[in-house]
C-alpha atoms as a PDB file:
ATOM      1  CA  MET A   1      -0.161   0.288   0.048  1.00  0.00           C
ATOM      2  CA  THR A   2       1.400   3.591  -1.000  1.00  0.00           C
ATOM      3  CA  SER A   3       1.188   6.674   0.524  1.00  0.00           C
ATOM      4  CA  LYS A   4       0.360   9.629  -0.924  1.00  0.00           C
ATOM      5  CA  THR A   5       2.958  12.105   1.512  1.00  0.00           C
ATOM      6  CA  GLN A   6       5.680   9.349   0.550  1.00  0.00           C
ATOM      7  CA  VAL A   7       8.309   9.325  -2.013  1.00  0.00           C
ATOM      8  CA  SER A   8      10.628   6.548  -2.865  1.00  0.00           C
ATOM      9  CA  ILE A   9      14.591   8.210  -3.301  1.00  0.00           C
ATOM     10  CA  ILE A  10      16.369   6.666  -5.972  1.00  0.00           C
ATOM     11  CA  ILE A  11      20.245   7.012  -6.234  1.00  0.00           C
ATOM     12  CA  VAL A  12      22.066   6.100  -8.825  1.00  0.00           C
ATOM     13  CA  ASN A  13      25.788   5.429  -8.274  1.00  0.00           C
ATOM     14  CA  TRP A  14      28.832   4.850 -10.030  1.00  0.00           C
ATOM     15  CA  ASN A  15      32.415   5.298  -7.940  1.00  0.00           C
ATOM     16  CA  ALA A  16      30.868   8.004  -6.300  1.00  0.00           C
ATOM     17  CA  GLY A  17      33.039   7.507  -3.666  1.00  0.00           C
ATOM     18  CA  ALA A  18      32.444   8.991   0.015  1.00  0.00           C
ATOM     19  CA  GLN A  19      29.869  11.037  -1.647  1.00  0.00           C
ATOM     20  CA  LEU A  20      26.929   8.725  -1.999  1.00  0.00           C
ATOM     21  CA  ALA A  21      27.537   8.100   2.243  1.00  0.00           C
ATOM     22  CA  HIS A  22      27.255  11.628   2.781  1.00  0.00           C
ATOM     23  CA  VAL A  23      23.627  11.463   0.972  1.00  0.00           C
ATOM     24  CA  VAL A  24      23.141   8.498   2.241  1.00  0.00           C
ATOM     25  CA  SER A  25      23.444  10.137   5.723  1.00  0.00           C
ATOM     26  CA  SER A  26      21.534  13.195   4.912  1.00  0.00           C
ATOM     27  CA  ILE A  27      18.265  11.418   4.362  1.00  0.00           C
ATOM     28  CA  ASP A  28      18.495   9.706   6.868  1.00  0.00           C
ATOM     29  CA  LYS A  29      18.704  12.719   8.928  1.00  0.00           C
ATOM     30  CA  TYR A  30      15.653  14.381   7.732  1.00  0.00           C
ATOM     31  CA  HIS A  31      13.217  11.732   6.243  1.00  0.00           C
ATOM     32  CA  HIS A  32      10.953  13.683   8.265  1.00  0.00           C
ATOM     33  CA  GLY A  33       8.955   9.805   7.949  1.00  0.00           C
ATOM     34  CA  LEU A  34       8.758  11.050   4.675  1.00  0.00           C
ATOM     35  CA  VAL A  35      10.167   8.499   2.622  1.00  0.00           C
ATOM     36  CA  ALA A  36       8.946   5.225   2.064  1.00  0.00           C
ATOM     37  CA  THR A  37      12.396   3.720   0.520  1.00  0.00           C
ATOM     38  CA  VAL A  38      15.520   4.606  -0.659  1.00  0.00           C
ATOM     39  CA  ILE A  39      16.938   2.507  -3.651  1.00  0.00           C
ATOM     40  CA  ILE A  40      20.532   2.764  -4.875  1.00  0.00           C
ATOM     41  CA  VAL A  41      21.369   1.812  -8.450  1.00  0.00           C
ATOM     42  CA  ASP A  42      24.999   0.647  -9.144  1.00  0.00           C
ATOM     43  CA  ASN A  43      26.275   1.117 -12.865  1.00  0.00           C
ATOM     44  CA  ALA A  44      29.246  -1.558 -12.098  1.00  0.00           C
ATOM     45  CA  SER A  45      31.648   0.581  -9.493  1.00  0.00           C
ATOM     46  CA  SER A  46      34.978  -0.127  -8.951  1.00  0.00           C
ATOM     47  CA  ASP A  47      35.467   1.584  -6.043  1.00  0.00           C
ATOM     48  CA  ASP A  48      34.164   1.505  -2.568  1.00  0.00           C
ATOM     49  CA  SER A  49      31.540   3.133  -2.339  1.00  0.00           C
ATOM     50  CA  LEU A  50      28.552   0.380  -1.702  1.00  0.00           C
ATOM     51  CA  GLU A  51      31.129  -0.951   1.102  1.00  0.00           C
ATOM     52  CA  GLN A  52      31.221   2.637   2.754  1.00  0.00           C
ATOM     53  CA  VAL A  53      27.311   2.898   2.725  1.00  0.00           C
ATOM     54  CA  SER A  54      27.404  -0.462   4.431  1.00  0.00           C
ATOM     55  CA  LEU A  55      29.558   0.932   7.410  1.00  0.00           C
ATOM     56  CA  LEU A  56      27.155   3.526   8.134  1.00  0.00           C
ATOM     57  CA  GLN A  57      26.039   3.240  11.458  1.00  0.00           C
ATOM     58  CA  ASN A  58      22.177   3.105  13.526  1.00  0.00           C
ATOM     59  CA  LEU A  59      20.332   4.067  10.085  1.00  0.00           C
ATOM     60  CA  SER A  60      16.581   4.123  10.656  1.00  0.00           C
ATOM     61  CA  PHE A  61      15.878   2.447   7.256  1.00  0.00           C
ATOM     62  CA  LYS A  62      17.670   0.197   4.811  1.00  0.00           C
ATOM     63  CA  PRO A  63      18.443   0.936   1.289  1.00  0.00           C
ATOM     64  CA  MET A  64      18.075  -1.559  -1.268  1.00  0.00           C
ATOM     65  CA  ILE A  65      21.018  -2.246  -3.654  1.00  0.00           C
ATOM     66  CA  ILE A  66      20.452  -3.110  -6.913  1.00  0.00           C
ATOM     67  CA  ARG A  67      23.666  -4.167  -8.390  1.00  0.00           C
ATOM     68  CA  ASN A  68      24.407  -3.937 -12.580  1.00  0.00           C
ATOM     69  CA  ALA A  69      26.523  -6.077 -13.897  1.00  0.00           C
ATOM     70  CA  GLU A  70      28.058  -3.091 -16.323  1.00  0.00           C
ATOM     71  CA  ASN A  71      27.335   0.282 -16.862  1.00  0.00           C
ATOM     72  CA  LEU A  72      23.520   0.820 -18.130  1.00  0.00           C
ATOM     73  CA  GLY A  73      23.297   4.271 -18.175  1.00  0.00           C
ATOM     74  CA  PHE A  74      21.623   6.548 -15.345  1.00  0.00           C
ATOM     75  CA  GLY A  75      18.263   6.638 -17.373  1.00  0.00           C
ATOM     76  CA  GLN A  76      17.916   2.536 -17.634  1.00  0.00           C
ATOM     77  CA  ALA A  77      19.780   3.136 -14.105  1.00  0.00           C
ATOM     78  CA  CYS A  78      17.087   5.223 -12.776  1.00  0.00           C
ATOM     79  CA  ASN A  79      14.285   3.707 -14.294  1.00  0.00           C
ATOM     80  CA  LEU A  80      15.150  -0.077 -12.827  1.00  0.00           C
ATOM     81  CA  GLY A  81      15.336   1.901  -9.662  1.00  0.00           C
ATOM     82  CA  ALA A  82      11.917   2.846 -10.189  1.00  0.00           C
ATOM     83  CA  THR A  83      10.344  -0.580 -10.410  1.00  0.00           C
ATOM     84  CA  GLN A  84      11.098  -0.548  -7.116  1.00  0.00           C
ATOM     85  CA  ALA A  85       9.239   2.014  -5.508  1.00  0.00           C
ATOM     86  CA  CYS A  86       6.291   2.239  -3.572  1.00  0.00           C
ATOM     87  CA  SER A  87       5.296   5.620  -2.693  1.00  0.00           C
ATOM     88  CA  HIS A  88       3.285   8.457  -5.328  1.00  0.00           C
ATOM     89  CA  TYR A  89       6.406  10.462  -6.109  1.00  0.00           C
ATOM     90  CA  LEU A  90       9.808   9.440  -6.891  1.00  0.00           C
ATOM     91  CA  LEU A  91      13.102  11.462  -6.282  1.00  0.00           C
ATOM     92  CA  PHE A  92      16.467  11.418  -8.866  1.00  0.00           C
ATOM     93  CA  LEU A  93      19.059  12.191  -6.148  1.00  0.00           C
ATOM     94  CA  ASN A  94      22.249  12.091  -7.506  1.00  0.00           C
ATOM     95  CA  PRO A  95      25.128  11.046  -4.903  1.00  0.00           C
ATOM     96  CA  ASP A  96      27.364  14.280  -4.850  1.00  0.00           C
ATOM     97  CA  ALA A  97      23.958  15.913  -3.369  1.00  0.00           C
ATOM     98  CA  ALA A  98      22.032  15.782  -0.305  1.00  0.00           C
ATOM     99  CA  LEU A  99      19.479  16.870   2.007  1.00  0.00           C
ATOM    100  CA  TYR A 100      19.028  19.935   4.311  1.00  0.00           C
ATOM    101  CA  SER A 101      16.410  19.935   7.262  1.00  0.00           C
ATOM    102  CA  ASP A 102      13.732  21.283   5.430  1.00  0.00           C
ATOM    103  CA  THR A 103      14.245  20.064   1.919  1.00  0.00           C
ATOM    104  CA  LEU A 104      11.217  17.653   1.679  1.00  0.00           C
ATOM    105  CA  PRO A 105       8.773  18.664   4.062  1.00  0.00           C
ATOM    106  CA  LYS A 106       8.668  22.081   1.847  1.00  0.00           C
ATOM    107  CA  VAL A 107       8.477  19.994  -1.492  1.00  0.00           C
ATOM    108  CA  MET A 108       5.841  17.648  -0.395  1.00  0.00           C
ATOM    109  CA  THR A 109       4.006  20.738   1.114  1.00  0.00           C
ATOM    110  CA  PHE A 110       3.739  22.171  -1.990  1.00  0.00           C
ATOM    111  CA  MET A 111       2.850  19.016  -4.322  1.00  0.00           C
ATOM    112  CA  GLN A 112       0.722  17.802  -2.018  1.00  0.00           C
ATOM    113  CA  ASN A 113      -1.442  21.598  -2.644  1.00  0.00           C
ATOM    114  CA  PRO A 114      -4.603  20.776  -4.772  1.00  0.00           C
ATOM    115  CA  ALA A 115      -3.288  24.075  -6.750  1.00  0.00           C
ATOM    116  CA  ASN A 116      -0.501  22.240  -8.145  1.00  0.00           C
ATOM    117  CA  ALA A 117      -2.003  19.061  -9.187  1.00  0.00           C
ATOM    118  CA  MET A 118      -0.384  19.826 -12.807  1.00  0.00           C
ATOM    119  CA  VAL A 119       2.962  20.083 -11.346  1.00  0.00           C
ATOM    120  CA  GLY A 120       4.182  16.805 -12.922  1.00  0.00           C
ATOM    121  CA  ILE A 121       8.174  17.896 -11.854  1.00  0.00           C
ATOM    122  CA  CYS A 122       9.659  19.859  -9.314  1.00  0.00           C
ATOM    123  CA  GLY A 123      13.484  20.542  -8.783  1.00  0.00           C
ATOM    124  CA  VAL A 124      14.653  22.968  -5.632  1.00  0.00           C
ATOM    125  CA  GLN A 125      17.265  25.786  -5.358  1.00  0.00           C
ATOM    126  CA  LEU A 126      20.782  23.913  -5.100  1.00  0.00           C
ATOM    127  CA  LEU A 127      23.777  25.238  -3.388  1.00  0.00           C
ATOM    128  CA  GLU A 128      27.017  24.447  -3.751  1.00  0.00           C
ATOM    129  CA  GLU A 129      29.623  23.752  -1.319  1.00  0.00           C
ATOM    130  CA  SER A 130      31.006  27.217  -0.831  1.00  0.00           C
ATOM    131  CA  GLY A 131      26.862  28.144  -0.401  1.00  0.00           C
ATOM    132  CA  HIS A 132      26.872  29.800  -3.569  1.00  0.00           C
ATOM    133  CA  LEU A 133      23.639  29.432  -5.555  1.00  0.00           C
ATOM    134  CA  SER A 134      23.413  26.898  -8.988  1.00  0.00           C
ATOM    135  CA  ARG A 135      21.876  27.549 -11.599  1.00  0.00           C
ATOM    136  CA  SER A 136      19.334  24.794 -12.434  1.00  0.00           C
ATOM    137  CA  CYS A 137      17.274  25.846 -14.777  1.00  0.00           C
ATOM    138  CA  ALA A 138      16.817  25.670 -19.253  1.00  0.00           C
ATOM    139  CA  ARG A 139      15.069  25.818 -21.860  1.00  0.00           C
ATOM    140  CA  PHE A 140      14.005  23.648 -24.189  1.00  0.00           C
ATOM    141  CA  PRO A 141      17.009  23.447 -26.882  1.00  0.00           C
ATOM    142  CA  THR A 142      15.973  25.036 -30.422  1.00  0.00           C
ATOM    143  CA  VAL A 143      17.751  25.263 -33.321  1.00  0.00           C
ATOM    144  CA  PRO A 144      19.493  28.852 -33.302  1.00  0.00           C
ATOM    145  CA  GLY A 145      20.627  28.096 -29.232  1.00  0.00           C
ATOM    146  CA  LEU A 146      22.262  25.146 -29.820  1.00  0.00           C
ATOM    147  CA  PHE A 147      23.820  27.144 -33.152  1.00  0.00           C
ATOM    148  CA  ALA A 148      25.153  30.156 -30.688  1.00  0.00           C
ATOM    149  CA  HIS A 149      26.080  26.960 -28.330  1.00  0.00           C
ATOM    150  CA  ALA A 150      28.683  25.626 -30.837  1.00  0.00           C
ATOM    151  CA  LEU A 151      29.819  28.965 -31.710  1.00  0.00           C
ATOM    152  CA  GLY A 152      30.240  30.170 -28.181  1.00  0.00           C
ATOM    153  CA  LEU A 153      28.172  32.845 -28.553  1.00  0.00           C
ATOM    154  CA  ASP A 154      26.331  31.945 -24.707  1.00  0.00           C
ATOM    155  CA  ARG A 155      29.314  32.081 -22.653  1.00  0.00           C
ATOM    156  CA  ILE A 156      29.351  35.799 -23.681  1.00  0.00           C
ATOM    157  CA  PHE A 157      25.100  36.333 -24.436  1.00  0.00           C
ATOM    158  CA  PRO A 158      23.731  33.978 -21.575  1.00  0.00           C
ATOM    159  CA  ARG A 159      20.401  34.285 -23.757  1.00  0.00           C
ATOM    160  CA  THR A 160      21.110  32.865 -26.327  1.00  0.00           C
ATOM    161  CA  GLY A 161      21.590  29.562 -25.057  1.00  0.00           C
ATOM    162  CA  HIS A 162      19.381  27.309 -23.221  1.00  0.00           C
ATOM    163  CA  PHE A 163      20.659  26.990 -20.128  1.00  0.00           C
ATOM    164  CA  MET A 164      18.853  29.813 -18.039  1.00  0.00           C
ATOM    165  CA  ALA A 165      22.288  31.505 -16.451  1.00  0.00           C
ATOM    166  CA  ASP A 166      20.391  34.792 -17.370  1.00  0.00           C
ATOM    167  CA  TRP A 167      18.601  34.421 -14.066  1.00  0.00           C
ATOM    168  CA  ASP A 168      18.964  35.239 -10.946  1.00  0.00           C
ATOM    169  CA  HIS A 169      16.942  31.776  -9.544  1.00  0.00           C
ATOM    170  CA  ALA A 170      15.528  33.644  -6.888  1.00  0.00           C
ATOM    171  CA  LYS A 171      12.047  32.943  -6.992  1.00  0.00           C
ATOM    172  CA  THR A 172       9.694  29.906  -7.577  1.00  0.00           C
ATOM    173  CA  ARG A 173       8.494  29.829 -10.882  1.00  0.00           C
ATOM    174  CA  VAL A 174       7.165  27.492 -13.841  1.00  0.00           C
ATOM    175  CA  VAL A 175      10.248  26.535 -16.521  1.00  0.00           C
ATOM    176  CA  GLU A 176      10.715  24.263 -18.794  1.00  0.00           C
ATOM    177  CA  HIS A 177      13.304  22.545 -17.575  1.00  0.00           C
ATOM    178  CA  VAL A 178      15.068  21.918 -13.738  1.00  0.00           C
ATOM    179  CA  ILE A 179      18.670  19.810 -14.278  1.00  0.00           C
ATOM    180  CA  GLY A 180      17.943  15.804 -12.541  1.00  0.00           C
ATOM    181  CA  ALA A 181      20.294  16.378  -9.569  1.00  0.00           C
ATOM    182  CA  PHE A 182      17.195  16.858  -7.578  1.00  0.00           C
ATOM    183  CA  PHE A 183      14.228  15.526  -9.867  1.00  0.00           C
ATOM    184  CA  LEU A 184      10.934  14.798  -8.188  1.00  0.00           C
ATOM    185  CA  VAL A 185       8.777  12.976  -9.776  1.00  0.00           C
ATOM    186  CA  ARG A 186       5.199  12.144  -9.727  1.00  0.00           C
ATOM    187  CA  THR A 187       4.980   8.478 -10.297  1.00  0.00           C
ATOM    188  CA  GLU A 188       2.223   8.161 -12.023  1.00  0.00           C
ATOM    189  CA  LEU A 189       3.619  10.324 -14.603  1.00  0.00           C
ATOM    190  CA  PHE A 190       6.682   8.660 -14.559  1.00  0.00           C
ATOM    191  CA  LYS A 191       5.356   5.391 -15.673  1.00  0.00           C
ATOM    192  CA  ASP A 192       3.041   7.059 -17.931  1.00  0.00           C
ATOM    193  CA  LEU A 193       5.831   8.548 -20.207  1.00  0.00           C
ATOM    194  CA  ALA A 194       7.708   5.165 -19.471  1.00  0.00           C
ATOM    195  CA  GLY A 195      10.196   6.867 -17.492  1.00  0.00           C
ATOM    196  CA  PHE A 196      13.275   8.324 -19.156  1.00  0.00           C
ATOM    197  CA  ASP A 197      15.045   7.231 -22.688  1.00  0.00           C
ATOM    198  CA  THR A 198      17.370   4.860 -22.388  1.00  0.00           C
ATOM    199  CA  ARG A 199      18.601   5.630 -25.450  1.00  0.00           C
ATOM    200  CA  PHE A 200      20.573   8.463 -23.321  1.00  0.00           C
ATOM    201  CA  PHE A 201      22.933   7.504 -21.683  1.00  0.00           C
ATOM    202  CA  VAL A 202      23.986   9.967 -19.623  1.00  0.00           C
ATOM    203  CA  TYR A 203      22.933  13.587 -20.211  1.00  0.00           C
ATOM    204  CA  LEU A 204      19.395  14.533 -21.381  1.00  0.00           C
ATOM    205  CA  GLU A 205      17.339  12.416 -20.571  1.00  0.00           C
ATOM    206  CA  ASP A 206      16.548  14.614 -18.254  1.00  0.00           C
ATOM    207  CA  LEU A 207      15.345  17.518 -20.528  1.00  0.00           C
ATOM    208  CA  ASP A 208      13.689  14.998 -22.446  1.00  0.00           C
ATOM    209  CA  PHE A 209      11.584  13.790 -20.030  1.00  0.00           C
ATOM    210  CA  SER A 210      10.962  17.710 -19.098  1.00  0.00           C
ATOM    211  CA  PHE A 211       9.747  18.092 -22.551  1.00  0.00           C
ATOM    212  CA  ARG A 212       7.325  14.692 -23.303  1.00  0.00           C
ATOM    213  CA  ALA A 213       5.869  15.699 -19.691  1.00  0.00           C
ATOM    214  CA  HIS A 214       4.987  19.437 -20.996  1.00  0.00           C
ATOM    215  CA  LEU A 215       3.962  17.964 -23.789  1.00  0.00           C
ATOM    216  CA  THR A 216       0.956  16.257 -22.308  1.00  0.00           C
ATOM    217  CA  GLY A 217       0.534  19.277 -19.980  1.00  0.00           C
ATOM    218  CA  TYR A 218       2.447  18.865 -17.006  1.00  0.00           C
ATOM    219  CA  GLN A 219       4.164  21.572 -15.632  1.00  0.00           C
ATOM    220  CA  SER A 220       7.789  21.560 -14.285  1.00  0.00           C
ATOM    221  CA  VAL A 221       8.596  24.117 -11.332  1.00  0.00           C
ATOM    222  CA  TYR A 222      11.267  25.632  -9.730  1.00  0.00           C
ATOM    223  CA  LEU A 223      10.750  24.985  -5.922  1.00  0.00           C
ATOM    224  CA  ALA A 224      12.739  28.410  -4.567  1.00  0.00           C
ATOM    225  CA  ASP A 225      11.889  28.213  -0.807  1.00  0.00           C
ATOM    226  CA  ALA A 226      13.483  24.951  -0.642  1.00  0.00           C
ATOM    227  CA  GLN A 227      17.215  24.356  -1.086  1.00  0.00           C
ATOM    228  CA  ALA A 228      19.663  21.038  -1.331  1.00  0.00           C
ATOM    229  CA  PHE A 229      23.297  20.564  -1.653  1.00  0.00           C
ATOM    230  CA  HIS A 230      24.784  20.014  -4.885  1.00  0.00           C
ATOM    231  CA  ALA A 231      28.163  19.631  -5.653  1.00  0.00           C
ATOM    232  CA  GLY A 232      28.639  20.072  -9.428  1.00  0.00           C
ATOM    233  CA  GLY A 233      29.856  17.722 -11.909  1.00  0.00           C
ATOM    234  CA  GLY A 234      29.863  14.404  -9.720  1.00  0.00           C
ATOM    235  CA  THR A 235      31.313  11.388 -10.294  1.00  0.00           C
ATOM    236  CA  SER A 236      31.526  12.409 -14.116  1.00  0.00           C
ATOM    237  CA  ASN A 237      34.855  14.805 -13.574  1.00  0.00           C
ATOM    238  CA  GLN A 238      36.446  11.888 -13.132  1.00  0.00           C
ATOM    239  CA  ILE A 239      36.071  11.944 -17.218  1.00  0.00           C
ATOM    240  CA  LYS A 240      35.982  14.984 -18.599  1.00  0.00           C
ATOM    241  CA  ALA A 241      36.990  13.833 -22.393  1.00  0.00           C
ATOM    242  CA  ARG A 242      33.926  10.895 -22.249  1.00  0.00           C
ATOM    243  CA  ARG A 243      30.950  13.047 -20.463  1.00  0.00           C
ATOM    244  CA  LEU A 244      31.662  15.776 -23.369  1.00  0.00           C
ATOM    245  CA  PHE A 245      31.576  13.128 -25.245  1.00  0.00           C
ATOM    246  CA  TYR A 246      28.108  12.107 -24.023  1.00  0.00           C
ATOM    247  CA  SER A 247      26.596  15.498 -23.918  1.00  0.00           C
ATOM    248  CA  LEU A 248      27.525  15.550 -27.318  1.00  0.00           C
ATOM    249  CA  GLN A 249      26.412  12.485 -28.165  1.00  0.00           C
ATOM    250  CA  SER A 250      22.969  13.535 -26.121  1.00  0.00           C
ATOM    251  CA  ARG A 251      22.814  16.520 -28.187  1.00  0.00           C
ATOM    252  CA  LEU A 252      22.437  14.624 -31.448  1.00  0.00           C
ATOM    253  CA  LEU A 253      20.099  12.282 -30.226  1.00  0.00           C
ATOM    254  CA  TYR A 254      17.746  14.599 -28.312  1.00  0.00           C
ATOM    255  CA  ALA A 255      17.910  17.056 -32.055  1.00  0.00           C
ATOM    256  CA  PHE A 256      16.972  13.785 -34.414  1.00  0.00           C
ATOM    257  CA  LYS A 257      14.368  13.359 -31.821  1.00  0.00           C
ATOM    258  CA  HIS A 258      12.553  16.470 -31.267  1.00  0.00           C
ATOM    259  CA  PHE A 259      13.512  18.882 -34.293  1.00  0.00           C
ATOM    260  CA  SER A 260      12.877  18.403 -37.770  1.00  0.00           C
ATOM    261  CA  TRP A 261      14.757  17.445 -40.036  1.00  0.00           C
ATOM    262  CA  LEU A 262      16.176  20.107 -41.445  1.00  0.00           C
ATOM    263  CA  GLY A 263      16.848  21.677 -38.249  1.00  0.00           C
ATOM    264  CA  ALA A 264      18.781  17.998 -36.425  1.00  0.00           C
ATOM    265  CA  VAL A 265      20.527  18.538 -39.552  1.00  0.00           C
ATOM    266  CA  VAL A 266      21.534  21.680 -38.958  1.00  0.00           C
ATOM    267  CA  THR A 267      22.381  21.192 -35.602  1.00  0.00           C
ATOM    268  CA  MET A 268      24.561  18.228 -36.270  1.00  0.00           C
ATOM    269  CA  LEU A 269      26.612  20.083 -38.741  1.00  0.00           C
ATOM    270  CA  ALA A 270      27.090  23.013 -36.208  1.00  0.00           C
ATOM    271  CA  THR A 271      28.158  20.459 -33.397  1.00  0.00           C
ATOM    272  CA  LEU A 272      30.583  18.445 -35.839  1.00  0.00           C
ATOM    273  CA  PHE A 273      32.235  21.170 -37.734  1.00  0.00           C
ATOM    274  CA  ILE A 274      31.607  24.480 -36.345  1.00  0.00           C
ATOM    275  CA  GLU A 275      32.053  23.745 -31.938  1.00  0.00           C
ATOM    276  CA  PRO A 276      35.467  21.615 -32.165  1.00  0.00           C
ATOM    277  CA  LEU A 277      36.975  25.043 -33.056  1.00  0.00           C
ATOM    278  CA  SER A 278      35.267  26.985 -30.866  1.00  0.00           C
ATOM    279  CA  ARG A 279      36.345  25.543 -28.168  1.00  0.00           C
ATOM    280  CA  SER A 280      39.490  24.844 -29.294  1.00  0.00           C
ATOM    281  CA  LEU A 281      40.201  28.700 -29.390  1.00  0.00           C
ATOM    282  CA  TRP A 282      38.312  28.823 -26.178  1.00  0.00           C
ATOM    283  CA  ALA A 283      40.729  25.980 -24.210  1.00  0.00           C
ATOM    284  CA  LEU A 284      43.802  28.045 -26.043  1.00  0.00           C
ATOM    285  CA  LEU A 285      42.389  31.332 -24.459  1.00  0.00           C
ATOM    286  CA  ARG A 286      42.373  30.135 -21.500  1.00  0.00           C
ATOM    287  CA  GLY A 287      45.683  28.327 -21.813  1.00  0.00           C
ATOM    288  CA  SER A 288      44.326  25.028 -21.162  1.00  0.00           C
ATOM    289  CA  TRP A 289      46.180  22.271 -22.761  1.00  0.00           C
ATOM    290  CA  ALA A 290      43.952  19.492 -20.866  1.00  0.00           C
ATOM    291  CA  GLY A 291      41.011  21.255 -21.986  1.00  0.00           C
ATOM    292  CA  LEU A 292      41.797  21.288 -25.837  1.00  0.00           C
ATOM    293  CA  LYS A 293      43.575  17.703 -25.579  1.00  0.00           C
ATOM    294  CA  GLU A 294      39.595  16.565 -23.920  1.00  0.00           C
ATOM    295  CA  THR A 295      37.745  18.254 -26.461  1.00  0.00           C
ATOM    296  CA  TRP A 296      39.268  16.428 -30.023  1.00  0.00           C
ATOM    297  CA  ILE A 297      39.263  13.087 -27.526  1.00  0.00           C
ATOM    298  CA  ALA A 298      35.773  13.752 -26.938  1.00  0.00           C
ATOM    299  CA  TYR A 299      35.195  14.390 -30.607  1.00  0.00           C
ATOM    300  CA  ALA A 300      37.058  11.366 -31.709  1.00  0.00           C
ATOM    301  CA  LEU A 301      35.006   9.479 -29.979  1.00  0.00           C
ATOM    302  CA  LEU A 302      31.932  10.893 -31.091  1.00  0.00           C
ATOM    303  CA  MET A 303      33.209  10.527 -34.767  1.00  0.00           C
ATOM    304  CA  ALA A 304      33.319   6.562 -34.256  1.00  0.00           C
ATOM    305  CA  TRP A 305      30.028   6.306 -32.882  1.00  0.00           C
ATOM    306  CA  LEU A 306      28.563   8.335 -35.674  1.00  0.00           C
ATOM    307  CA  LEU A 307      30.307   5.830 -37.879  1.00  0.00           C
ATOM    308  CA  GLN A 308      29.132   2.696 -35.827  1.00  0.00           C
ATOM    309  CA  ARG A 309      25.750   4.198 -36.244  1.00  0.00           C
ATOM    310  CA  LEU A 310      26.140   4.411 -39.899  1.00  0.00           C
ATOM    311  CA  ARG A 311      27.617   1.025 -40.386  1.00  0.00           C
ATOM    312  CA  GLN A 312      24.400  -0.476 -38.144  1.00  0.00           C
ATOM    313  CA  LYS A 313      22.458   0.644 -40.532  1.00  0.00           C
ATOM    314  CA  ILE A 314      23.557   0.352 -43.756  1.00  0.00           C
ATOM    315  CA  PHE A 315      23.670  -3.314 -42.386  1.00  0.00           C
ATOM    316  CA  ARG A 316      20.199  -3.261 -41.388  1.00  0.00           C
ATOM    317  CA  ASN A 317      18.766  -1.675 -45.086  1.00  0.00           C
END
């Protein structure tokens, strides 16, 4: 039997180290009886992050741990965790995040208000280690916006991109998207949309979900009255070149899924032939040889992936 006032928290772990134990400890300290279950989906970690969780003393709950034999990606791991949930709400929480004392009470009070029945997704203010507020909302991508991003114009003119870096995030408002570090969803909506699209290995699976929720009439709300901690970058900092590759890969998947054919092709051409040059120039201006190297490693991975997709399509035909 599920409770309408409870939430199942799903954490996808991949070599998160001490961060995983930290977020679990924060849930234990600040759950306020609102948490039905905590589900950790481990994507074949090679570190001792799960062992650190097992060493936590006197937890008020026993986390359910799902151990994958391989790294299934973020979206697929989230979907797997959601199948084990038993509540009216799902909270996808990054291992590099943590709850504060009033995070869940404020969010659940907001979501339970009948006036907010069409709010399908809720995010909160995310505070960095320094205490600074992290910009965590975005507009749905457009072809002109992604073209501006490929040129690097959004670094100079933030309004040209889809990241809402031009907004101070100080007030509660309806937005198009809140990032997946703290991503609370109505379970019914998550099931109706068949969860995250697993073609996105990591990055933009949450944006794609927000867009599909928007098409059904549900809203995403950024709740400024509630806060959570978010270190930012997370375990993907360990693999910066591959992180960029996955980001570029997901962008192309998103474009061909949601844009017109012409828009998708323009996005792909800008991504492949303009952005590597603008990223390289930016790295050189900063004197970052590591950034330059990471850019070209990422693009080598992207080209290999595209060639593989092309070969698969040819052989299928």
